[in-house]
Amino acid sequence: MKEIIYLHTNTEYSFLQSTIRLERLFKLAKEQNLKYLTLTDVENFHALQFFW
């Protein structure tokens, strides 16, 4: 089976585009054994504090 890499994932920090919280997203990614996951939140820097 080919590996899936999601290249466009918005979280709760992309207002009006998604409601998933980072903790839930990471839990789901781990449950599905995803090696890679990109975050493509737009028009804000609110999540920057978690990764900087």
PDB file of N, CA and C in Angstrom:
ATOM      1  N   MET A   1       0.841  -1.173   0.000  1.00  0.00           N
ATOM      2  CA  MET A   1       0.000   0.000   0.000  1.00  0.00           C
ATOM      3  C   MET A   1       0.890   1.242   0.000  1.00  0.00           C
ATOM      4  N   LYS A   2       0.489   2.247  -0.749  1.00  0.00           N
ATOM      5  CA  LYS A   2       1.238   3.498  -0.787  1.00  0.00           C
ATOM      6  C   LYS A   2       0.964   4.317   0.466  1.00  0.00           C
ATOM      7  N   GLU A   3       1.970   5.074   0.852  1.00  0.00           N
ATOM      8  CA  GLU A   3       1.854   5.918   2.032  1.00  0.00           C
ATOM      9  C   GLU A   3       1.088   7.199   1.692  1.00  0.00           C
ATOM     10  N   ILE A   4       0.218   7.611   2.599  1.00  0.00           N
ATOM     11  CA  ILE A   4      -0.575   8.824   2.409  1.00  0.00           C
ATOM     12  C   ILE A   4       0.054   9.953   3.208  1.00  0.00           C
ATOM     13  N   ILE A   5       0.222  11.109   2.561  1.00  0.00           N
ATOM     14  CA  ILE A   5       0.703  12.308   3.244  1.00  0.00           C
ATOM     15  C   ILE A   5      -0.301  13.415   2.977  1.00  0.00           C
ATOM     16  N   TYR A   6      -0.932  13.906   4.035  1.00  0.00           N
ATOM     17  CA  TYR A   6      -1.905  14.982   3.895  1.00  0.00           C
ATOM     18  C   TYR A   6      -1.164  16.308   3.811  1.00  0.00           C
ATOM     19  N   LEU A   7      -1.300  16.994   2.689  1.00  0.00           N
ATOM     20  CA  LEU A   7      -0.555  18.229   2.462  1.00  0.00           C
ATOM     21  C   LEU A   7      -1.354  19.482   2.769  1.00  0.00           C
ATOM     22  N   HIS A   8      -2.623  19.337   3.107  1.00  0.00           N
ATOM     23  CA  HIS A   8      -3.446  20.511   3.415  1.00  0.00           C
ATOM     24  C   HIS A   8      -4.337  20.174   4.603  1.00  0.00           C
ATOM     25  N   THR A   9      -3.912  20.605   5.779  1.00  0.00           N
ATOM     26  CA  THR A   9      -4.664  20.322   6.995  1.00  0.00           C
ATOM     27  C   THR A   9      -4.843  21.605   7.792  1.00  0.00           C
ATOM     28  N   ASN A  10      -6.066  22.019   7.960  1.00  0.00           N
ATOM     29  CA  ASN A  10      -6.369  23.194   8.774  1.00  0.00           C
ATOM     30  C   ASN A  10      -6.836  22.745  10.150  1.00  0.00           C
ATOM     31  N   THR A  11      -6.555  23.576  11.155  1.00  0.00           N
ATOM     32  CA  THR A  11      -6.979  23.290  12.521  1.00  0.00           C
ATOM     33  C   THR A  11      -7.911  24.398  12.994  1.00  0.00           C
ATOM     34  N   GLU A  12      -8.207  24.376  14.274  1.00  0.00           N
ATOM     35  CA  GLU A  12      -9.077  25.400  14.860  1.00  0.00           C
ATOM     36  C   GLU A  12      -8.520  26.806  14.686  1.00  0.00           C
ATOM     37  N   TYR A  13      -7.246  26.909  14.343  1.00  0.00           N
ATOM     38  CA  TYR A  13      -6.632  28.225  14.166  1.00  0.00           C
ATOM     39  C   TYR A  13      -6.926  28.837  12.801  1.00  0.00           C
ATOM     40  N   SER A  14      -7.520  28.085  11.901  1.00  0.00           N
ATOM     41  CA  SER A  14      -8.011  28.637  10.634  1.00  0.00           C
ATOM     42  C   SER A  14      -9.498  28.907  10.819  1.00  0.00           C
ATOM     43  N   PHE A  15      -9.794  30.097  11.226  1.00  0.00           N
ATOM     44  CA  PHE A  15     -11.166  30.461  11.561  1.00  0.00           C
ATOM     45  C   PHE A  15     -12.117  30.235  10.395  1.00  0.00           C
ATOM     46  N   LEU A  16     -13.265  29.643  10.698  1.00  0.00           N
ATOM     47  CA  LEU A  16     -14.329  29.331   9.744  1.00  0.00           C
ATOM     48  C   LEU A  16     -13.935  28.281   8.710  1.00  0.00           C
ATOM     49  N   GLN A  17     -12.805  27.594   8.898  1.00  0.00           N
ATOM     50  CA  GLN A  17     -12.395  26.563   7.949  1.00  0.00           C
ATOM     51  C   GLN A  17     -12.279  25.181   8.585  1.00  0.00           C
ATOM     52  N   SER A  18     -12.065  25.151   9.898  1.00  0.00           N
ATOM     53  CA  SER A  18     -11.924  23.872  10.586  1.00  0.00           C
ATOM     54  C   SER A  18     -12.192  24.067  12.075  1.00  0.00           C
ATOM     55  N   THR A  19     -12.595  22.998  12.733  1.00  0.00           N
ATOM     56  CA  THR A  19     -12.826  23.065  14.177  1.00  0.00           C
ATOM     57  C   THR A  19     -11.973  22.068  14.952  1.00  0.00           C
ATOM     58  N   ILE A  20     -11.138  21.298  14.259  1.00  0.00           N
ATOM     59  CA  ILE A  20     -10.354  20.280  14.959  1.00  0.00           C
ATOM     60  C   ILE A  20      -9.229  20.928  15.768  1.00  0.00           C
ATOM     61  N   ARG A  21      -9.083  20.467  16.996  1.00  0.00           N
ATOM     62  CA  ARG A  21      -8.028  20.968  17.882  1.00  0.00           C
ATOM     63  C   ARG A  21      -6.739  20.174  17.639  1.00  0.00           C
ATOM     64  N   LEU A  22      -5.619  20.814  17.902  1.00  0.00           N
ATOM     65  CA  LEU A  22      -4.328  20.169  17.662  1.00  0.00           C
ATOM     66  C   LEU A  22      -4.210  18.838  18.391  1.00  0.00           C
ATOM     67  N   GLU A  23      -4.602  18.795  19.639  1.00  0.00           N
ATOM     68  CA  GLU A  23      -4.488  17.562  20.419  1.00  0.00           C
ATOM     69  C   GLU A  23      -5.256  16.420  19.764  1.00  0.00           C
ATOM     70  N   ARG A  24      -6.463  16.700  19.295  1.00  0.00           N
ATOM     71  CA  ARG A  24      -7.298  15.681  18.636  1.00  0.00           C
ATOM     72  C   ARG A  24      -6.677  15.257  17.306  1.00  0.00           C
ATOM     73  N   LEU A  25      -6.189  16.228  16.543  1.00  0.00           N
ATOM     74  CA  LEU A  25      -5.567  15.929  15.253  1.00  0.00           C
ATOM     75  C   LEU A  25      -4.348  15.036  15.436  1.00  0.00           C
ATOM     76  N   PHE A  26      -3.493  15.362  16.400  1.00  0.00           N
ATOM     77  CA  PHE A  26      -2.301  14.555  16.639  1.00  0.00           C
ATOM     78  C   PHE A  26      -2.663  13.156  17.125  1.00  0.00           C
ATOM     79  N   LYS A  27      -3.693  13.057  17.940  1.00  0.00           N
ATOM     80  CA  LYS A  27      -4.146  11.744  18.416  1.00  0.00           C
ATOM     81  C   LYS A  27      -4.637  10.892  17.246  1.00  0.00           C
ATOM     82  N   LEU A  28      -5.441  11.479  16.364  1.00  0.00           N
ATOM     83  CA  LEU A  28      -5.934  10.745  15.198  1.00  0.00           C
ATOM     84  C   LEU A  28      -4.794  10.329  14.273  1.00  0.00           C
ATOM     85  N   ALA A  29      -3.837  11.217  14.075  1.00  0.00           N
ATOM     86  CA  ALA A  29      -2.689  10.896  13.220  1.00  0.00           C
ATOM     87  C   ALA A  29      -1.900   9.725  13.802  1.00  0.00           C
ATOM     88  N   LYS A  30      -1.722   9.730  15.108  1.00  0.00           N
ATOM     89  CA  LYS A  30      -0.998   8.636  15.757  1.00  0.00           C
ATOM     90  C   LYS A  30      -1.768   7.325  15.649  1.00  0.00           C
ATOM     91  N   GLU A  31      -3.081   7.379  15.851  1.00  0.00           N
ATOM     92  CA  GLU A  31      -3.911   6.174  15.749  1.00  0.00           C
ATOM     93  C   GLU A  31      -3.861   5.575  14.353  1.00  0.00           C
ATOM     94  N   GLN A  32      -3.712   6.416  13.337  1.00  0.00           N
ATOM     95  CA  GLN A  32      -3.661   5.950  11.953  1.00  0.00           C
ATOM     96  C   GLN A  32      -2.227   5.711  11.476  1.00  0.00           C
ATOM     97  N   ASN A  33      -1.274   5.813  12.407  1.00  0.00           N
ATOM     98  CA  ASN A  33       0.143   5.576  12.108  1.00  0.00           C
ATOM     99  C   ASN A  33       0.675   6.461  10.987  1.00  0.00           C
ATOM    100  N   LEU A  34       0.226   7.706  10.962  1.00  0.00           N
ATOM    101  CA  LEU A  34       0.740   8.640   9.969  1.00  0.00           C
ATOM    102  C   LEU A  34       2.145   9.080  10.367  1.00  0.00           C
ATOM    103  N   LYS A  35       3.073   9.038   9.420  1.00  0.00           N
ATOM    104  CA  LYS A  35       4.435   9.491   9.691  1.00  0.00           C
ATOM    105  C   LYS A  35       4.564  10.995   9.497  1.00  0.00           C
ATOM    106  N   TYR A  36       3.747  11.540   8.606  1.00  0.00           N
ATOM    107  CA  TYR A  36       3.848  12.947   8.259  1.00  0.00           C
ATOM    108  C   TYR A  36       2.478  13.608   8.298  1.00  0.00           C
ATOM    109  N   LEU A  37       2.469  14.878   8.663  1.00  0.00           N
ATOM    110  CA  LEU A  37       1.238  15.650   8.682  1.00  0.00           C
ATOM    111  C   LEU A  37       1.617  17.118   8.553  1.00  0.00           C
ATOM    112  N   THR A  38       1.037  17.800   7.611  1.00  0.00           N
ATOM    113  CA  THR A  38       1.323  19.225   7.465  1.00  0.00           C
ATOM    114  C   THR A  38       0.174  20.040   8.032  1.00  0.00           C
ATOM    115  N   LEU A  39       0.508  21.164   8.620  1.00  0.00           N
ATOM    116  CA  LEU A  39      -0.496  22.108   9.101  1.00  0.00           C
ATOM    117  C   LEU A  39      -0.450  23.328   8.200  1.00  0.00           C
ATOM    118  N   THR A  40      -1.595  23.678   7.655  1.00  0.00           N
ATOM    119  CA  THR A  40      -1.646  24.791   6.709  1.00  0.00           C
ATOM    120  C   THR A  40      -2.669  25.824   7.147  1.00  0.00           C
ATOM    121  N   ASP A  41      -2.631  26.178   8.411  1.00  0.00           N
ATOM    122  CA  ASP A  41      -3.535  27.210   8.913  1.00  0.00           C
ATOM    123  C   ASP A  41      -3.230  28.530   8.214  1.00  0.00           C
ATOM    124  N   VAL A  42      -4.264  29.318   8.009  1.00  0.00           N
ATOM    125  CA  VAL A  42      -4.102  30.556   7.242  1.00  0.00           C
ATOM    126  C   VAL A  42      -4.541  31.783   8.033  1.00  0.00           C
ATOM    127  N   GLU A  43      -3.975  32.904   7.641  1.00  0.00           N
ATOM    128  CA  GLU A  43      -4.370  34.232   8.114  1.00  0.00           C
ATOM    129  C   GLU A  43      -4.258  34.422   9.621  1.00  0.00           C
ATOM    130  N   ASN A  44      -3.268  33.798  10.243  1.00  0.00           N
ATOM    131  CA  ASN A  44      -3.053  34.039  11.675  1.00  0.00           C
ATOM    132  C   ASN A  44      -1.693  33.531  12.102  1.00  0.00           C
ATOM    133  N   PHE A  45      -1.293  33.939  13.283  1.00  0.00           N
ATOM    134  CA  PHE A  45      -0.077  33.428  13.902  1.00  0.00           C
ATOM    135  C   PHE A  45      -0.373  32.891  15.300  1.00  0.00           C
ATOM    136  N   HIS A  46      -1.616  32.580  15.579  1.00  0.00           N
ATOM    137  CA  HIS A  46      -2.017  32.121  16.909  1.00  0.00           C
ATOM    138  C   HIS A  46      -1.367  30.795  17.305  1.00  0.00           C
ATOM    139  N   ALA A  47      -1.144  29.913  16.360  1.00  0.00           N
ATOM    140  CA  ALA A  47      -0.565  28.610  16.682  1.00  0.00           C
ATOM    141  C   ALA A  47       0.955  28.648  16.726  1.00  0.00           C
ATOM    142  N   LEU A  48       1.539  29.727  16.295  1.00  0.00           N
ATOM    143  CA  LEU A  48       2.991  29.830  16.244  1.00  0.00           C
ATOM    144  C   LEU A  48       3.636  29.577  17.597  1.00  0.00           C
ATOM    145  N   GLN A  49       2.991  29.986  18.660  1.00  0.00           N
ATOM    146  CA  GLN A  49       3.545  29.814  20.002  1.00  0.00           C
ATOM    147  C   GLN A  49       3.809  28.354  20.350  1.00  0.00           C
ATOM    148  N   PHE A  50       3.088  27.420  19.740  1.00  0.00           N
ATOM    149  CA  PHE A  50       3.262  26.005  20.041  1.00  0.00           C
ATOM    150  C   PHE A  50       4.478  25.401  19.351  1.00  0.00           C
ATOM    151  N   PHE A  51       4.921  26.000  18.277  1.00  0.00           N
ATOM    152  CA  PHE A  51       5.977  25.407  17.468  1.00  0.00           C
ATOM    153  C   PHE A  51       7.245  26.234  17.427  1.00  0.00           C
ATOM    154  N   TRP A  52       7.249  27.419  17.980  1.00  0.00           N
ATOM    155  CA  TRP A  52       8.400  28.306  17.907  1.00  0.00           C
ATOM    156  C   TRP A  52       9.359  28.047  19.012  1.00  0.00           C
TER     157      TRP A  52
END
